[in-house]
Amino acid sequence: MIKFSVNKSRAADNIKDLAGIISGCAVGGMGLSLFLIPFKASPGGAAGVAQIFYYILNVPAGAIMFAINIPLFIIGVIIFGKMFGVKTLWGIFWLSFFTDLFNSKTFLGADFLKDFLFRINDQTVSFTNEVFLGVVAGSLLLGLGAGLVIKFNGSTGGSDIPALMIRKYFGFTVGMSYFMIDSIIIFAVGIIFRNPNLILWGFVSLYITTKSTDFVVEGLSYTKELFIISSDSEKIKKYILKDLDRGYTLLKGEGGYTGEAKDIIYVALHTRELPKIKARIKEVDPKAFVVVNDAYEVFGDFRR
């Protein structure tokens, strides 16, 4: 009975993830088809390469993305194993599908959309005729969609697999690998279409997409975590317990230079409480060593 309940719970989680990935791909596909591709603003990845073939060969961008991502997916499975699973394949398919759907006559032919669409070139339309608005809106939608896909434990392929391969075989960090791949694609778009502005718009798009993805995945940080090392830790501990009505964890440390035993106070609190505890620490021990970090998610017995 317990085993059945666990399996049922996992099935429900998987269904939720698959549905969430579809929603993220729908949002991202709209950002690509109706904003970024019309203005040739490429944030890199498979979408950037697909954009080149779309304008040169008039082949649907989504189909090209799918054709690029499937071989990369197979290579990823061979090299990295199960980390590239069904949900990655699911994300690759649906992003490709929605990218072409939102640029199809089936969608664009709807009567209620006719008054809201601008003809950008012979192949595309958009909800704006301003390149700035197109790049910003498209990048936000693409980042939002990518964030939803990641949040639901999926991936849409793109630069993921090449970036991991560069890390594995050349030793670069994943972040640097992504930047190298996307930069090459962005420069290629500008060179092939002979428009240096597209390179600048590409990097603007890459920045906005990255930031909006991070925002969806991590959220706003309303919580701070502090590591406090003080020679007068008793007063600080008392302030945390009595005045802030917070708990704390006491860690045992040792000075790297002096070898002296030290108490390390670890506490998580709301952002609005940070100025209060900082002022109290400075009052009690101006020489206290304090590290403050953002805590994007806090689980357990924590009062927000």
Protein backbone atom coordinates (compact mmCIF):
# COMPACT_ATOMS: atom_id res chain seq x y z
CA MET A 1 0.00 0.00 0.00
CA ILE A 2 2.83 2.38 0.88
CA LYS A 3 4.70 1.47 -2.30
CA PHE A 4 1.56 2.14 -4.37
CA SER A 5 1.14 5.56 -2.74
CA VAL A 6 4.77 6.49 -3.43
CA ASN A 7 4.47 5.45 -7.09
CA LYS A 8 1.21 7.38 -7.42
CA SER A 9 2.87 10.47 -5.95
CA ARG A 10 5.81 10.17 -8.36
CA ALA A 11 3.46 9.79 -11.30
CA ALA A 12 1.59 12.94 -10.25
CA ASP A 13 4.90 14.84 -9.93
CA ASN A 14 5.98 13.67 -13.38
CA ILE A 15 2.68 14.72 -14.94
CA LYS A 16 3.00 18.12 -13.28
CA ASP A 17 6.55 18.48 -14.59
CA LEU A 18 5.58 17.51 -18.14
CA ALA A 19 2.68 19.99 -18.10
CA GLY A 20 4.94 22.71 -16.67
CA ILE A 21 7.53 22.09 -19.39
CA ILE A 22 4.84 22.46 -22.07
CA SER A 23 3.72 25.80 -20.60
CA GLY A 24 7.31 27.04 -20.46
CA CYS A 25 7.92 26.01 -24.06
CA ALA A 26 4.73 27.79 -25.16
CA VAL A 27 5.88 31.04 -23.56
CA GLY A 28 9.42 30.68 -24.94
CA GLY A 29 8.16 29.77 -28.41
CA MET A 30 6.01 32.91 -28.48
CA GLY A 31 9.00 35.03 -27.50
CA LEU A 32 11.05 33.57 -30.34
CA SER A 33 8.44 33.57 -33.12
CA LEU A 34 6.67 36.85 -32.48
CA PHE A 35 9.47 39.04 -31.16
CA LEU A 36 13.08 37.84 -31.49
CA ILE A 37 13.11 36.08 -34.87
CA PRO A 38 11.25 38.92 -36.67
CA PHE A 39 13.97 41.37 -35.61
CA LYS A 40 16.81 38.83 -36.08
CA ALA A 41 17.82 39.31 -32.45
CA SER A 42 19.52 36.11 -31.42
CA PRO A 43 20.34 35.26 -27.79
CA GLY A 44 22.46 32.35 -29.09
CA GLY A 45 21.80 28.64 -28.78
CA ALA A 46 19.96 26.46 -31.28
CA ALA A 47 17.41 29.24 -31.82
CA GLY A 48 20.15 31.54 -33.10
CA VAL A 49 21.39 28.96 -35.59
CA ALA A 50 17.81 28.17 -36.64
CA GLN A 51 17.20 31.85 -37.29
CA ILE A 52 20.01 31.94 -39.85
CA PHE A 53 18.60 28.97 -41.80
CA TYR A 54 15.08 30.36 -41.49
CA TYR A 55 15.95 33.57 -43.34
CA ILE A 56 18.39 32.06 -45.85
CA LEU A 57 16.54 28.84 -46.76
CA ASN A 58 13.01 29.76 -45.61
CA VAL A 59 12.85 26.59 -43.51
CA PRO A 60 10.66 26.74 -40.33
CA ALA A 61 12.80 27.78 -37.38
CA GLY A 62 11.25 25.24 -35.03
CA ALA A 63 12.01 22.39 -37.42
CA ILE A 64 15.64 23.48 -37.65
CA MET A 65 15.88 23.71 -33.86
CA PHE A 66 14.54 20.17 -33.60
CA ALA A 67 16.99 18.93 -36.25
CA ILE A 68 19.89 20.53 -34.34
CA ASN A 69 18.83 19.40 -30.89
CA ILE A 70 18.09 15.72 -31.57
CA PRO A 71 21.67 14.79 -32.56
CA LEU A 72 22.96 16.85 -29.62
CA PHE A 73 20.55 15.00 -27.33
CA ILE A 74 21.82 11.62 -28.56
CA ILE A 75 25.43 12.72 -28.06
CA GLY A 76 24.53 13.98 -24.59
CA VAL A 77 23.00 10.64 -23.63
CA ILE A 78 26.08 8.78 -24.91
CA ILE A 79 28.58 11.00 -23.08
CA PHE A 80 26.71 12.06 -19.95
CA GLY A 81 24.14 9.29 -19.53
CA LYS A 82 20.81 9.65 -17.74
CA MET A 83 21.12 13.35 -16.93
CA PHE A 84 19.65 13.93 -20.41
CA GLY A 85 16.40 12.02 -20.06
CA VAL A 86 12.85 12.01 -21.31
CA LYS A 87 12.10 15.51 -20.00
CA THR A 88 14.88 16.99 -22.14
CA LEU A 89 13.47 15.31 -25.25
CA TRP A 90 10.01 16.52 -24.19
CA GLY A 91 11.25 20.11 -23.91
CA ILE A 92 13.09 19.97 -27.25
CA PHE A 93 9.94 18.81 -29.04
CA TRP A 94 7.51 21.30 -27.53
CA LEU A 95 9.75 24.36 -27.91
CA SER A 96 10.22 23.47 -31.58
CA PHE A 97 6.49 22.88 -31.96
CA PHE A 98 5.39 26.17 -30.41
CA THR A 99 8.06 28.16 -32.25
CA ASP A 100 6.54 27.08 -35.56
CA LEU A 101 2.94 27.16 -34.31
CA PHE A 102 3.10 30.85 -33.40
CA ASN A 103 4.47 31.64 -36.87
CA SER A 104 1.89 29.54 -38.70
CA LYS A 105 -1.23 30.64 -40.58
CA THR A 106 -3.27 28.58 -38.12
CA PHE A 107 -2.34 30.98 -35.32
CA LEU A 108 -1.68 34.23 -37.19
CA GLY A 109 -4.83 33.87 -39.26
CA ALA A 110 -7.09 34.30 -36.24
CA ASP A 111 -9.38 37.30 -36.77
CA PHE A 112 -8.89 38.77 -33.30
CA LEU A 113 -5.11 39.11 -33.88
CA LYS A 114 -5.19 41.03 -37.16
CA ASP A 115 -5.38 44.47 -35.54
CA PHE A 116 -2.45 43.74 -33.23
CA LEU A 117 0.15 42.45 -35.68
CA PHE A 118 2.79 44.42 -37.59
CA ARG A 119 4.46 43.13 -40.76
CA ILE A 120 8.22 43.24 -40.06
CA ASN A 121 9.49 41.56 -43.24
CA ASP A 122 8.31 39.13 -45.92
CA GLN A 123 8.52 36.16 -43.55
CA THR A 124 7.49 37.43 -40.13
CA VAL A 125 5.09 39.57 -38.13
CA SER A 126 5.26 40.83 -34.56
CA PHE A 127 3.12 42.48 -31.91
CA THR A 128 5.37 45.56 -32.18
CA ASN A 129 7.21 47.36 -34.95
CA GLU A 130 9.85 48.75 -32.57
CA VAL A 131 13.07 46.74 -32.40
CA PHE A 132 13.74 47.77 -28.78
CA LEU A 133 10.34 46.60 -27.59
CA GLY A 134 10.64 43.44 -29.65
CA VAL A 135 14.02 42.49 -28.19
CA VAL A 136 13.01 43.26 -24.60
CA ALA A 137 9.60 41.55 -24.79
CA GLY A 138 10.94 38.54 -26.67
CA SER A 139 13.88 38.08 -24.31
CA LEU A 140 11.65 38.35 -21.25
CA LEU A 141 9.25 35.75 -22.66
CA LEU A 142 12.08 33.42 -23.68
CA GLY A 143 13.70 33.76 -20.26
CA LEU A 144 10.38 33.23 -18.49
CA GLY A 145 9.74 30.12 -20.58
CA ALA A 146 13.23 28.72 -20.02
CA GLY A 147 12.89 29.37 -16.29
CA LEU A 148 9.59 27.47 -16.16
CA VAL A 149 11.14 24.53 -18.02
CA ILE A 150 14.07 24.41 -15.58
CA LYS A 151 11.78 24.83 -12.58
CA PHE A 152 9.85 21.76 -13.72
CA ASN A 153 13.08 19.73 -14.03
CA GLY A 154 13.33 19.96 -17.81
CA SER A 155 15.64 21.29 -20.50
CA THR A 156 15.23 22.48 -24.07
CA GLY A 157 18.67 21.37 -25.24
CA GLY A 158 20.31 24.24 -27.13
CA SER A 159 23.67 25.20 -25.67
CA ASP A 160 23.35 22.83 -22.69
CA ILE A 161 25.07 19.81 -24.22
CA PRO A 162 27.89 21.66 -26.09
CA ALA A 163 28.61 23.67 -22.93
CA LEU A 164 28.92 20.52 -20.82
CA MET A 165 31.16 18.94 -23.48
CA ILE A 166 33.46 21.97 -23.45
CA ARG A 167 33.65 21.75 -19.65
CA LYS A 168 34.40 18.03 -19.78
CA TYR A 169 37.08 18.09 -22.47
CA PHE A 170 38.62 21.57 -22.17
CA GLY A 171 38.18 22.40 -18.49
CA PHE A 172 36.21 25.66 -18.84
CA THR A 173 33.45 26.44 -16.37
CA VAL A 174 29.87 25.82 -17.50
CA GLY A 175 29.12 29.56 -17.40
CA MET A 176 32.12 30.39 -19.58
CA SER A 177 31.23 27.55 -21.97
CA TYR A 178 27.69 28.92 -22.42
CA PHE A 179 29.05 32.41 -23.01
CA MET A 180 31.57 31.20 -25.62
CA ILE A 181 28.96 29.23 -27.60
CA ASP A 182 26.29 31.94 -27.48
CA SER A 183 28.82 34.65 -28.38
CA ILE A 184 29.96 32.75 -31.48
CA ILE A 185 26.35 32.37 -32.63
CA ILE A 186 25.50 36.02 -31.94
CA PHE A 187 28.54 37.22 -33.92
CA ALA A 188 27.66 34.79 -36.73
CA VAL A 189 24.16 36.28 -37.01
CA GLY A 190 25.55 39.81 -37.26
CA ILE A 191 28.19 38.82 -39.83
CA ILE A 192 25.90 36.69 -42.03
CA PHE A 193 23.18 39.37 -42.15
CA ARG A 194 25.83 42.11 -42.44
CA ASN A 195 24.37 44.15 -39.62
CA PRO A 196 26.58 44.94 -36.61
CA ASN A 197 23.53 46.18 -34.70
CA LEU A 198 22.32 42.58 -34.53
CA ILE A 199 25.42 41.67 -32.52
CA LEU A 200 24.62 44.33 -29.94
CA TRP A 201 20.95 43.37 -29.85
CA GLY A 202 21.99 39.74 -29.48
CA PHE A 203 24.00 40.43 -26.35
CA VAL A 204 21.20 42.59 -24.95
CA SER A 205 18.81 39.71 -25.56
CA LEU A 206 21.22 37.21 -23.99
CA TYR A 207 21.53 39.35 -20.85
CA ILE A 208 17.77 39.88 -20.43
CA THR A 209 17.01 36.22 -21.13
CA THR A 210 19.57 35.05 -18.58
CA LYS A 211 18.35 37.42 -15.89
CA SER A 212 14.67 36.60 -16.41
CA THR A 213 15.48 32.87 -16.34
CA ASP A 214 17.32 33.31 -13.04
CA PHE A 215 14.40 35.31 -11.66
CA VAL A 216 11.91 32.54 -12.42
CA VAL A 217 14.16 29.77 -11.10
CA GLU A 218 15.46 31.53 -7.99
CA GLY A 219 12.78 34.15 -7.33
CA LEU A 220 13.29 37.34 -5.37
CA SER A 221 15.39 36.93 -2.29
CA TYR A 222 13.42 38.07 0.75
CA THR A 223 15.67 36.15 3.13
CA LYS A 224 19.24 36.75 4.21
CA GLU A 225 21.64 34.34 5.89
CA LEU A 226 24.40 35.62 8.15
CA PHE A 227 27.60 34.07 9.44
CA ILE A 228 28.79 36.05 12.44
CA ILE A 229 32.14 35.69 14.22
CA SER A 230 32.49 37.93 17.26
CA SER A 231 34.48 38.09 20.48
CA ASP A 232 31.24 39.06 22.24
CA SER A 233 28.92 36.49 20.71
CA GLU A 234 26.75 36.11 23.85
CA LYS A 235 25.18 39.55 23.45
CA ILE A 236 24.53 38.93 19.76
CA LYS A 237 22.93 35.55 20.46
CA LYS A 238 20.72 37.11 23.12
CA TYR A 239 19.66 39.87 20.71
CA ILE A 240 18.72 37.31 18.04
CA LEU A 241 16.66 35.25 20.49
CA LYS A 242 14.98 38.00 22.50
CA ASP A 243 14.73 41.04 20.26
CA LEU A 244 14.39 39.47 16.82
CA ASP A 245 12.60 36.39 18.09
CA ARG A 246 14.72 34.22 15.82
CA GLY A 247 16.59 31.01 16.32
CA TYR A 248 20.19 30.47 15.32
CA THR A 249 22.70 27.66 14.88
CA LEU A 250 26.03 27.76 16.67
CA LEU A 251 28.94 26.36 14.68
CA LYS A 252 32.37 25.64 16.09
CA GLY A 253 35.29 27.08 14.17
CA GLU A 254 38.98 27.72 14.48
CA GLY A 255 41.01 30.74 13.41
CA GLY A 256 43.21 29.81 10.46
CA TYR A 257 46.08 32.03 11.61
CA THR A 258 45.69 32.04 15.39
CA GLY A 259 44.35 28.53 15.85
CA GLU A 260 41.91 29.90 18.45
CA ALA A 261 38.50 28.27 18.90
CA LYS A 262 35.68 30.54 17.72
CA ASP A 263 31.90 30.46 17.80
CA ILE A 264 30.22 31.03 14.44
CA ILE A 265 26.61 32.18 14.64
CA TYR A 266 24.47 31.19 11.67
CA VAL A 267 21.09 32.88 11.36
CA ALA A 268 18.46 33.29 8.62
CA LEU A 269 16.13 36.29 8.75
CA HIS A 270 13.92 38.54 6.65
CA THR A 271 15.60 41.26 4.59
CA ARG A 272 13.88 44.00 6.59
CA GLU A 273 15.58 42.72 9.76
CA LEU A 274 19.06 43.00 8.28
CA PRO A 275 19.67 46.68 9.15
CA LYS A 276 18.64 46.02 12.76
CA ILE A 277 21.04 43.15 13.35
CA LYS A 278 23.87 44.93 11.53
CA ALA A 279 23.44 47.98 13.75
CA ARG A 280 23.39 45.80 16.87
CA ILE A 281 26.52 43.90 15.83
CA LYS A 282 28.39 47.15 15.18
CA GLU A 283 27.29 48.43 18.57
CA VAL A 284 28.37 45.28 20.44
CA ASP A 285 31.54 44.45 18.51
CA PRO A 286 32.74 46.83 15.77
CA LYS A 287 35.46 44.31 14.83
CA ALA A 288 33.04 41.41 14.32
CA PHE A 289 33.43 39.48 11.08
CA VAL A 290 30.09 39.12 9.26
CA VAL A 291 29.18 37.47 5.95
CA VAL A 292 25.73 38.19 4.45
CA ASN A 293 24.26 36.04 1.65
CA ASP A 294 20.97 35.90 -0.22
CA ALA A 295 18.87 32.85 0.63
CA TYR A 296 16.43 32.24 -2.22
CA GLU A 297 14.60 29.34 -0.61
CA VAL A 298 14.21 28.42 3.06
CA PHE A 299 12.41 25.26 4.14
CA GLY A 300 11.37 24.05 7.57
CA ASP A 301 10.42 25.98 10.68
CA PHE A 302 11.12 29.52 9.50
CA ARG A 303 8.97 32.61 10.06
CA ARG A 304 8.98 34.81 6.98
